[in-house]
Amino acid sequence: MLRKSLLRLSRDERVREAVLNAPGAPELVSRFVAGSTTDQVVAVADDLISKGLLVIVDLLGEEAHDTAAQDEV
């Protein structure tokens, strides 16, 4: 039940904006999330690799039901 409630909240654009704009959120999130688009993630990964770091990219999404869309990434 909690999972369904959290997923429903995660789809609400107003909740998403409130969380992303909360004080300290950008600093906290940027440490663990490279970006929300492929281009952003690739840029961050390239930067880390150029500094000699190893990179693993995970696509998160509990609601990823479309296999074709997953294959595009």
C-alpha atoms as a PDB file:
ATOM      1  CA  MET A   1       0.000   0.000   0.000  1.00  0.00           C
ATOM      2  CA  LEU A   2       2.808   2.435   0.832  1.00  0.00           C
ATOM      3  CA  ARG A   3       4.534   1.561  -2.444  1.00  0.00           C
ATOM      4  CA  LYS A   4       1.403   2.370  -4.462  1.00  0.00           C
ATOM      5  CA  SER A   5       0.980   5.656  -2.617  1.00  0.00           C
ATOM      6  CA  LEU A   6       4.585   6.666  -3.231  1.00  0.00           C
ATOM      7  CA  LEU A   7       4.367   5.742  -6.908  1.00  0.00           C
ATOM      8  CA  ARG A   8       1.178   7.775  -7.273  1.00  0.00           C
ATOM      9  CA  LEU A   9       2.887  10.764  -5.640  1.00  0.00           C
ATOM     10  CA  SER A  10       5.915  10.343  -7.896  1.00  0.00           C
ATOM     11  CA  ARG A  11       3.669  10.871 -10.936  1.00  0.00           C
ATOM     12  CA  ASP A  12       2.321  14.169  -9.596  1.00  0.00           C
ATOM     13  CA  GLU A  13       4.190  17.024 -11.266  1.00  0.00           C
ATOM     14  CA  ARG A  14       3.505  19.408  -8.345  1.00  0.00           C
ATOM     15  CA  VAL A  15       4.997  16.960  -5.841  1.00  0.00           C
ATOM     16  CA  ARG A  16       7.984  16.348  -8.110  1.00  0.00           C
ATOM     17  CA  GLU A  17       8.673  20.074  -8.426  1.00  0.00           C
ATOM     18  CA  ALA A  18       8.305  20.620  -4.674  1.00  0.00           C
ATOM     19  CA  VAL A  19      10.772  17.847  -3.898  1.00  0.00           C
ATOM     20  CA  LEU A  20      13.284  18.904  -6.547  1.00  0.00           C
ATOM     21  CA  ASN A  21      13.154  22.520  -5.399  1.00  0.00           C
ATOM     22  CA  ALA A  22      13.393  21.798  -1.685  1.00  0.00           C
ATOM     23  CA  PRO A  23      16.394  23.391   0.065  1.00  0.00           C
ATOM     24  CA  GLY A  24      19.434  21.150  -0.317  1.00  0.00           C
ATOM     25  CA  ALA A  25      17.779  18.788  -2.791  1.00  0.00           C
ATOM     26  CA  PRO A  26      19.923  19.652  -5.838  1.00  0.00           C
ATOM     27  CA  GLU A  27      23.148  19.071  -3.921  1.00  0.00           C
ATOM     28  CA  LEU A  28      21.928  15.793  -2.474  1.00  0.00           C
ATOM     29  CA  VAL A  29      20.503  14.464  -5.727  1.00  0.00           C
ATOM     30  CA  SER A  30      23.436  15.468  -7.926  1.00  0.00           C
ATOM     31  CA  ARG A  31      25.735  13.216  -5.946  1.00  0.00           C
ATOM     32  CA  PHE A  32      23.698  10.133  -6.850  1.00  0.00           C
ATOM     33  CA  VAL A  33      21.790  11.044 -10.033  1.00  0.00           C
ATOM     34  CA  ALA A  34      23.812  12.023 -13.080  1.00  0.00           C
ATOM     35  CA  GLY A  35      20.845  13.503 -14.919  1.00  0.00           C
ATOM     36  CA  SER A  36      17.351  12.992 -16.162  1.00  0.00           C
ATOM     37  CA  THR A  37      18.224  12.734 -19.857  1.00  0.00           C
ATOM     38  CA  THR A  38      20.607  10.480 -21.738  1.00  0.00           C
ATOM     39  CA  ASP A  39      22.690  13.478 -22.834  1.00  0.00           C
ATOM     40  CA  GLN A  40      23.095  14.681 -19.238  1.00  0.00           C
ATOM     41  CA  VAL A  41      24.127  11.240 -18.019  1.00  0.00           C
ATOM     42  CA  VAL A  42      26.625  10.749 -20.846  1.00  0.00           C
ATOM     43  CA  ALA A  43      28.207  14.150 -20.155  1.00  0.00           C
ATOM     44  CA  VAL A  44      28.629  13.365 -16.453  1.00  0.00           C
ATOM     45  CA  ALA A  45      29.949   9.867 -17.218  1.00  0.00           C
ATOM     46  CA  ASP A  46      32.455  11.261 -19.737  1.00  0.00           C
ATOM     47  CA  ASP A  47      33.668  13.787 -17.168  1.00  0.00           C
ATOM     48  CA  LEU A  48      34.141  11.118 -14.494  1.00  0.00           C
ATOM     49  CA  ILE A  49      35.901   8.759 -16.927  1.00  0.00           C
ATOM     50  CA  SER A  50      38.264  11.578 -17.986  1.00  0.00           C
ATOM     51  CA  LYS A  51      39.218  11.857 -14.300  1.00  0.00           C
ATOM     52  CA  GLY A  52      40.134   8.161 -14.194  1.00  0.00           C
ATOM     53  CA  LEU A  53      36.992   6.939 -12.462  1.00  0.00           C
ATOM     54  CA  LEU A  54      34.927   3.909 -13.396  1.00  0.00           C
ATOM     55  CA  VAL A  55      31.262   4.507 -14.132  1.00  0.00           C
ATOM     56  CA  ILE A  56      28.143   2.376 -13.887  1.00  0.00           C
ATOM     57  CA  VAL A  57      24.852   3.721 -15.214  1.00  0.00           C
ATOM     58  CA  ASP A  58      21.545   2.363 -13.997  1.00  0.00           C
ATOM     59  CA  LEU A  59      18.180   3.323 -15.393  1.00  0.00           C
ATOM     60  CA  LEU A  60      15.812   3.555 -12.465  1.00  0.00           C
ATOM     61  CA  GLY A  61      12.106   3.201 -12.871  1.00  0.00           C
ATOM     62  CA  GLU A  62       9.724   1.011 -10.988  1.00  0.00           C
ATOM     63  CA  GLU A  63       7.146   1.680 -13.642  1.00  0.00           C
ATOM     64  CA  ALA A  64       9.187   0.630 -16.657  1.00  0.00           C
ATOM     65  CA  HIS A  65       6.690  -1.726 -18.269  1.00  0.00           C
ATOM     66  CA  ASP A  66       7.407  -1.038 -21.938  1.00  0.00           C
ATOM     67  CA  THR A  67      10.210  -3.342 -23.102  1.00  0.00           C
ATOM     68  CA  ALA A  68      10.603  -1.481 -26.397  1.00  0.00           C
ATOM     69  CA  ALA A  69      11.171   1.818 -24.577  1.00  0.00           C
ATOM     70  CA  GLN A  70      13.700   0.157 -22.289  1.00  0.00           C
ATOM     71  CA  ASP A  71      15.605  -1.177 -25.294  1.00  0.00           C
ATOM     72  CA  GLU A  72      15.861   2.341 -26.744  1.00  0.00           C
ATOM     73  CA  VAL A  73      17.951   3.436 -23.786  1.00  0.00           C
END
